Amino acid sequence: MSRRFPTITATLTTCALLGATGCPQDDLPSQPDAGAPPLPSLRFEDPDAGSGPADLSCLGERTQPVAGDERSFTMAVVPFGAPPSVRVPGAVVHIFAGNEVPDDDICAAPDCVELVADEQGEVTVEVPAEAWFAYRVLPMDGDEPTSTFLRTVESHLSPPEEGGRVENLNTITAATLNGLAASVGGEVRAATGVVSGRLRDCQGRPLAGAVMRIFDEDGVEIELGPKVDDAQVYYFDGAVPPALDATGEYTSIDGRFAAVNMPPSGLARIELWGVPEGEAEPVLVACEELGIHADTLSVIALLPTRSDGPTRCGEVPLSISP
């Protein structure tokens, strides 16, 4: 299912591609067999709170949130890289209260509710409080790349507290995606997926110093390649505005990561590894499962590991290059 929409007039930076969460710092980590680069201790840096070691006190102790009463709130559909005032009226949005997004564009009750953004580019969402939910913004055809939007999926979201800040629903234009790839001399292959996310500690602070790994539904680590259209991993640089960092080997102070040209996988396993303060070896910091869909940007926010998380988390240790 795809629709035609007018061009969205906005300045879209190349960093806009990779996520609902920000812009990327470009890099290719070492191949798994060669080991990851030497890692610094996991740290946070906050303009207001200062900097310090990551709080991992909840590591392995968190559990999946339990659903509460219904909560209603408004979300706006905003293109990556555009200011919040730039919206996408008429965008079709699917809301999944169960946090599970099927690999098609079908929306069937009771698992899915279809909404259409109003003239202000907004939708009113109703989901159980506390529990995770997911959304999908359907692809939209335009007359040119700046008005052609790819499918975007985001999961593991929690409803805001009453009166709290509401995140935007993300979508991305073909122009932004292609521009990002070109900015690092790469290409995005058709029928592959893009993944983006952000790592935070137990206090919700973005973490620097983590390495991203992706495993397919069979538990095999997705191999990164040297060619411009091979599977690639990138990190954000933490600058304002953020940009790709061609030398980055792990997350910067914004905790953001991304991957392109990922083979579609039923439920891929996303792992973030890092070295806690005072330790020498990396540990598994975060692990969740995420569907990777063809021609789709899949976004996820990660916190430290759960006691009831995916069963195969951390089964392949991360080695560090000498």
Protein backbone atom coordinates (compact mmCIF):
# COMPACT_ATOMS: atom_id res chain seq x y z
CA MET A 1 0.00 0.00 0.00
CA SER A 2 1.50 3.31 -1.01
CA ARG A 3 0.15 6.83 -1.43
CA ARG A 4 1.12 10.03 -3.21
CA PHE A 5 1.98 13.13 -1.21
CA PRO A 6 3.21 16.64 -2.01
CA THR A 7 6.86 17.54 -1.55
CA ILE A 8 7.81 18.40 2.02
CA THR A 9 9.82 21.61 1.96
CA ALA A 10 12.54 21.33 4.58
CA THR A 11 16.30 21.25 4.82
CA LEU A 12 17.17 17.61 5.37
CA THR A 13 20.72 17.04 6.52
CA THR A 14 22.47 13.84 5.54
CA CYS A 15 22.54 12.86 9.19
CA ALA A 16 18.77 12.77 9.21
CA LEU A 17 18.52 9.24 7.92
CA LEU A 18 19.34 7.23 10.85
CA GLY A 19 16.87 7.66 13.27
CA ALA A 20 14.06 8.73 15.00
CA THR A 21 16.68 9.55 17.47
CA GLY A 22 19.13 11.78 15.68
CA CYS A 23 21.98 11.86 13.25
CA PRO A 24 24.82 9.47 12.62
CA GLN A 25 28.43 9.20 13.20
CA ASP A 26 29.81 7.07 10.40
CA ASP A 27 32.02 4.12 10.97
CA LEU A 28 32.63 0.54 10.21
CA PRO A 29 33.59 -1.60 13.19
CA SER A 30 36.06 -4.43 12.77
CA GLN A 31 34.73 -7.76 11.56
CA PRO A 32 33.52 -10.00 14.40
CA ASP A 33 36.30 -12.56 13.89
CA ALA A 34 38.93 -9.84 14.10
CA GLY A 35 37.48 -8.54 17.37
CA ALA A 36 36.18 -5.11 18.24
CA PRO A 37 38.53 -2.13 18.65
CA PRO A 38 39.79 -1.34 22.17
CA LEU A 39 36.90 0.30 23.99
CA PRO A 40 36.86 3.09 26.58
CA SER A 41 34.71 2.73 29.68
CA LEU A 42 31.03 3.41 29.14
CA ARG A 43 30.26 7.00 30.08
CA PHE A 44 27.59 9.64 29.85
CA GLU A 45 28.06 13.34 29.17
CA ASP A 46 25.25 15.75 29.90
CA PRO A 47 25.43 19.55 29.50
CA ASP A 48 23.46 20.00 32.72
CA ALA A 49 24.37 16.94 34.83
CA GLY A 50 28.05 16.77 33.83
CA SER A 51 29.76 13.49 32.92
CA GLY A 52 30.60 10.22 34.61
CA PRO A 53 30.50 6.42 34.42
CA ALA A 54 27.38 4.69 33.12
CA ASP A 55 24.80 3.60 35.67
CA LEU A 56 24.38 -0.13 34.99
CA SER A 57 22.88 -0.99 38.38
CA CYS A 58 19.73 -2.33 36.67
CA LEU A 59 21.69 -4.58 34.29
CA GLY A 60 19.90 -7.92 34.01
CA GLU A 61 17.22 -6.88 36.49
CA ARG A 62 14.74 -4.95 34.37
CA THR A 63 11.56 -6.64 33.15
CA GLN A 64 9.16 -5.91 30.32
CA PRO A 65 6.69 -3.24 31.47
CA VAL A 66 3.17 -4.31 32.43
CA ALA A 67 0.16 -2.70 30.77
CA GLY A 68 -1.95 -0.26 32.75
CA ASP A 69 -5.08 1.74 31.95
CA GLU A 70 -5.64 3.25 28.52
CA ARG A 71 -3.83 6.50 27.85
CA SER A 72 -4.53 8.99 25.06
CA PHE A 73 -1.98 11.40 23.63
CA THR A 74 -1.07 13.19 20.39
CA MET A 75 1.90 12.46 18.15
CA ALA A 76 3.05 14.33 15.03
CA VAL A 77 4.47 12.77 11.86
CA VAL A 78 7.75 14.59 11.21
CA PRO A 79 10.34 13.83 8.47
CA PHE A 80 13.85 13.05 9.70
CA GLY A 81 16.04 16.11 9.58
CA ALA A 82 13.16 18.57 9.45
CA PRO A 83 12.18 20.90 12.30
CA PRO A 84 9.23 19.75 14.45
CA SER A 85 7.02 22.32 12.73
CA VAL A 86 7.30 20.42 9.43
CA ARG A 87 4.61 17.74 9.38
CA VAL A 88 3.22 15.17 6.94
CA PRO A 89 -0.58 15.60 6.76
CA GLY A 90 -2.38 12.56 5.38
CA ALA A 91 0.30 10.07 6.45
CA VAL A 92 -1.15 6.66 7.28
CA VAL A 93 -0.03 5.35 10.68
CA HIS A 94 -0.53 1.89 12.17
CA ILE A 95 -0.43 1.59 15.97
CA PHE A 96 0.39 -1.79 17.55
CA ALA A 97 -0.45 -1.90 21.26
CA GLY A 98 1.27 -5.28 21.56
CA ASN A 99 4.64 -3.94 20.28
CA GLU A 100 4.70 -6.53 17.45
CA VAL A 101 4.77 -5.29 13.84
CA PRO A 102 4.03 -7.84 11.08
CA ASP A 103 6.11 -7.95 7.90
CA ASP A 104 3.44 -6.46 5.65
CA ASP A 105 1.30 -3.32 5.49
CA ILE A 106 -1.88 -4.98 6.75
CA CYS A 107 -3.59 -3.51 9.81
CA ALA A 108 -6.05 -5.93 11.40
CA ALA A 109 -8.00 -5.37 14.61
CA PRO A 110 -7.60 -5.90 17.49
CA ASP A 111 -3.80 -5.94 17.19
CA CYS A 112 -3.60 -2.84 15.00
CA VAL A 113 -5.37 0.51 14.72
CA GLU A 114 -5.04 2.56 11.52
CA LEU A 115 -4.90 6.35 11.82
CA VAL A 116 -4.52 9.14 9.25
CA ALA A 117 -2.63 12.32 10.17
CA ASP A 118 -4.86 15.40 10.19
CA GLU A 119 -4.15 18.77 8.58
CA GLN A 120 -1.61 19.50 11.33
CA GLY A 121 0.14 16.19 10.62
CA GLU A 122 -1.00 14.74 13.97
CA VAL A 123 -2.73 11.59 15.18
CA THR A 124 -4.32 10.77 18.53
CA VAL A 125 -2.95 7.51 19.95
CA GLU A 126 -4.66 5.34 22.56
CA VAL A 127 -2.64 2.52 24.10
CA PRO A 128 -2.25 0.98 27.58
CA ALA A 129 -0.14 3.09 29.93
CA GLU A 130 3.32 1.78 30.88
CA ALA A 131 3.38 -1.06 28.31
CA TRP A 132 5.45 -0.93 25.14
CA PHE A 133 3.80 -0.13 21.83
CA ALA A 134 5.00 0.16 18.24
CA TYR A 135 4.00 2.09 15.14
CA ARG A 136 4.43 1.92 11.39
CA VAL A 137 4.23 4.90 9.02
CA LEU A 138 3.35 3.59 5.57
CA PRO A 139 5.43 4.41 2.48
CA MET A 140 4.25 7.34 0.36
CA ASP A 141 4.98 7.93 -3.32
CA GLY A 142 5.90 11.38 -4.56
CA ASP A 143 6.94 13.00 -7.82
CA GLU A 144 10.58 13.16 -6.71
CA PRO A 145 12.86 11.73 -3.98
CA THR A 146 12.14 14.66 -1.64
CA SER A 147 8.45 13.76 -1.60
CA THR A 148 8.83 9.97 -1.57
CA PHE A 149 8.76 8.50 1.93
CA LEU A 150 9.97 5.07 2.97
CA ARG A 151 8.19 2.82 5.43
CA THR A 152 9.25 3.51 9.02
CA VAL A 153 8.75 1.23 12.01
CA GLU A 154 9.57 1.98 15.65
CA SER A 155 9.10 -0.36 18.60
CA HIS A 156 9.65 -0.57 22.37
CA LEU A 157 8.04 2.81 22.92
CA SER A 158 6.31 3.73 26.19
CA PRO A 159 3.38 6.15 26.45
CA PRO A 160 4.33 9.48 28.03
CA GLU A 161 3.42 10.31 31.58
CA GLU A 162 0.33 12.46 31.95
CA GLY A 163 1.37 15.86 30.67
CA GLY A 164 4.78 14.52 29.64
CA ARG A 165 6.68 15.09 26.42
CA VAL A 166 5.49 13.10 23.43
CA GLU A 167 8.00 11.90 20.85
CA ASN A 168 7.31 12.36 17.14
CA LEU A 169 6.35 9.65 14.70
CA ASN A 170 9.21 9.39 12.27
CA THR A 171 9.28 9.06 8.53
CA ILE A 172 12.13 9.48 6.05
CA THR A 173 12.40 10.56 2.43
CA ALA A 174 14.27 8.68 -0.25
CA ALA A 175 16.36 11.83 -0.78
CA THR A 176 17.52 11.80 2.84
CA LEU A 177 18.37 8.11 2.77
CA ASN A 178 20.29 8.35 -0.49
CA GLY A 179 22.02 11.54 0.64
CA LEU A 180 23.26 9.91 3.80
CA ALA A 181 24.71 6.96 1.93
CA ALA A 182 26.36 9.25 -0.62
CA SER A 183 27.90 11.39 2.12
CA VAL A 184 30.04 8.43 3.18
CA GLY A 185 30.62 7.09 -0.32
CA GLY A 186 28.11 4.30 0.13
CA GLU A 187 24.97 3.01 -1.54
CA VAL A 188 21.73 1.70 -0.12
CA ARG A 189 20.60 -1.46 -1.86
CA ALA A 190 16.94 -2.04 -2.65
CA ALA A 191 15.13 -4.77 -0.68
CA THR A 192 17.42 -4.36 2.35
CA GLY A 193 16.64 -2.80 5.71
CA VAL A 194 17.99 0.11 7.77
CA VAL A 195 18.24 -0.04 11.56
CA SER A 196 18.69 2.87 13.93
CA GLY A 197 18.62 3.29 17.69
CA ARG A 198 20.00 4.79 20.85
CA LEU A 199 21.55 3.29 24.00
CA ARG A 200 20.81 4.72 27.45
CA ASP A 201 21.82 3.71 30.97
CA CYS A 202 19.57 2.91 33.96
CA GLN A 203 18.94 6.63 34.48
CA GLY A 204 18.02 7.20 30.84
CA ARG A 205 21.27 8.94 29.87
CA PRO A 206 22.82 8.33 26.41
CA LEU A 207 25.99 6.26 26.58
CA ALA A 208 29.29 6.61 24.75
CA GLY A 209 31.65 3.68 24.17
CA ALA A 210 29.33 0.86 23.03
CA VAL A 211 29.64 -1.40 19.99
CA MET A 212 26.59 -2.56 18.03
CA ARG A 213 26.13 -6.14 16.80
CA ILE A 214 23.22 -7.64 14.81
CA PHE A 215 22.27 -11.32 14.63
CA ASP A 216 19.74 -12.78 12.22
CA GLU A 217 16.76 -14.91 13.24
CA ASP A 218 18.97 -18.02 13.20
CA GLY A 219 21.41 -16.46 15.66
CA VAL A 220 24.15 -15.86 13.07
CA GLU A 221 25.94 -12.52 13.32
CA ILE A 222 25.36 -10.44 10.19
CA GLU A 223 28.69 -9.97 8.47
CA LEU A 224 29.84 -6.47 7.61
CA GLY A 225 31.59 -6.07 4.28
CA PRO A 226 34.12 -3.74 2.64
CA LYS A 227 32.02 -2.81 -0.42
CA VAL A 228 29.99 0.38 -0.53
CA ASP A 229 26.73 -1.55 -0.76
CA ASP A 230 27.61 -4.24 1.82
CA ALA A 231 26.04 -4.33 5.27
CA GLN A 232 27.53 -1.43 7.24
CA VAL A 233 27.35 -0.11 10.80
CA TYR A 234 27.59 3.58 11.63
CA TYR A 235 27.79 5.69 14.78
CA PHE A 236 26.78 9.28 15.40
CA ASP A 237 29.32 11.92 16.37
CA GLY A 238 27.38 13.62 19.16
CA ALA A 239 27.85 17.07 17.67
CA VAL A 240 25.16 19.71 17.28
CA PRO A 241 24.01 19.33 14.60
CA PRO A 242 25.10 15.68 14.49
CA ALA A 243 26.96 14.23 11.52
CA LEU A 244 28.52 11.00 10.36
CA ASP A 245 31.97 10.31 11.78
CA ALA A 246 34.10 8.34 9.35
CA THR A 247 36.51 7.30 12.12
CA GLY A 248 34.03 6.37 14.89
CA GLU A 249 34.29 2.82 16.23
CA TYR A 250 31.65 2.97 18.97
CA THR A 251 28.81 5.17 20.15
CA SER A 252 29.61 8.76 20.98
CA ILE A 253 28.02 10.86 23.71
CA ASP A 254 24.61 10.75 22.04
CA GLY A 255 24.49 6.94 22.26
CA ARG A 256 23.25 6.61 18.68
CA PHE A 257 23.95 3.79 16.25
CA ALA A 258 22.68 2.65 12.87
CA ALA A 259 23.13 0.00 10.21
CA VAL A 260 22.31 -0.09 6.49
CA ASN A 261 21.95 -2.79 3.84
CA MET A 262 20.76 -5.29 6.46
CA PRO A 263 19.23 -8.49 5.08
CA PRO A 264 15.54 -8.73 6.06
CA SER A 265 15.13 -10.97 9.10
CA GLY A 266 12.04 -12.17 10.94
CA LEU A 267 13.37 -11.12 14.35
CA ALA A 268 16.94 -9.88 14.39
CA ARG A 269 18.76 -9.57 17.71
CA ILE A 270 20.30 -6.16 18.38
CA GLU A 271 23.12 -6.20 20.95
CA LEU A 272 25.19 -3.36 22.41
CA TRP A 273 28.42 -4.24 24.18
CA GLY A 274 30.68 -2.04 26.30
CA VAL A 275 33.21 -1.94 29.12
CA PRO A 276 31.83 -0.90 32.53
CA GLU A 277 33.86 1.52 34.67
CA GLY A 278 36.68 -0.30 36.47
CA GLU A 279 36.53 -3.42 34.29
CA ALA A 280 38.74 -4.59 31.43
CA GLU A 281 36.45 -6.80 29.36
CA PRO A 282 33.28 -5.84 27.47
CA VAL A 283 29.91 -7.05 28.70
CA LEU A 284 26.51 -7.25 27.08
CA VAL A 285 24.82 -3.96 27.96
CA ALA A 286 21.57 -4.12 25.96
CA CYS A 287 19.75 -6.72 23.90
CA GLU A 288 16.35 -6.70 22.20
CA GLU A 289 14.76 -8.28 19.14
CA LEU A 290 13.67 -6.18 16.19
CA GLY A 291 12.14 -7.07 12.85
CA ILE A 292 14.23 -5.96 9.87
CA HIS A 293 12.00 -5.32 6.87
CA ALA A 294 12.91 -4.65 3.23
CA ASP A 295 12.97 -0.98 2.20
CA THR A 296 12.12 0.02 5.77
CA LEU A 297 13.77 2.03 8.52
CA SER A 298 13.40 0.15 11.84
CA VAL A 299 14.07 2.18 14.98
CA ILE A 300 14.58 1.00 18.55
CA ALA A 301 15.47 2.60 21.89
CA LEU A 302 17.65 0.41 24.12
CA LEU A 303 18.12 0.28 27.90
CA PRO A 304 20.25 -2.19 29.93
CA THR A 305 19.41 -5.88 29.62
CA ARG A 306 16.24 -7.41 31.05
CA SER A 307 15.91 -10.56 33.17
CA ASP A 308 13.11 -11.63 30.80
CA GLY A 309 14.85 -10.52 27.62
CA PRO A 310 15.47 -12.59 24.46
CA THR A 311 16.87 -16.02 25.32
CA ARG A 312 19.96 -15.95 23.07
CA CYS A 313 21.33 -12.59 24.24
CA GLY A 314 25.09 -12.62 24.71
CA GLU A 315 25.65 -16.18 23.54
CA VAL A 316 28.49 -15.01 21.25
CA PRO A 317 31.05 -13.08 23.39
CA LEU A 318 32.63 -9.96 21.98
CA SER A 319 36.41 -10.14 21.61
CA ILE A 320 38.64 -7.08 21.77
CA SER A 321 41.51 -6.59 19.33
CA PRO A 322 44.94 -6.16 20.97
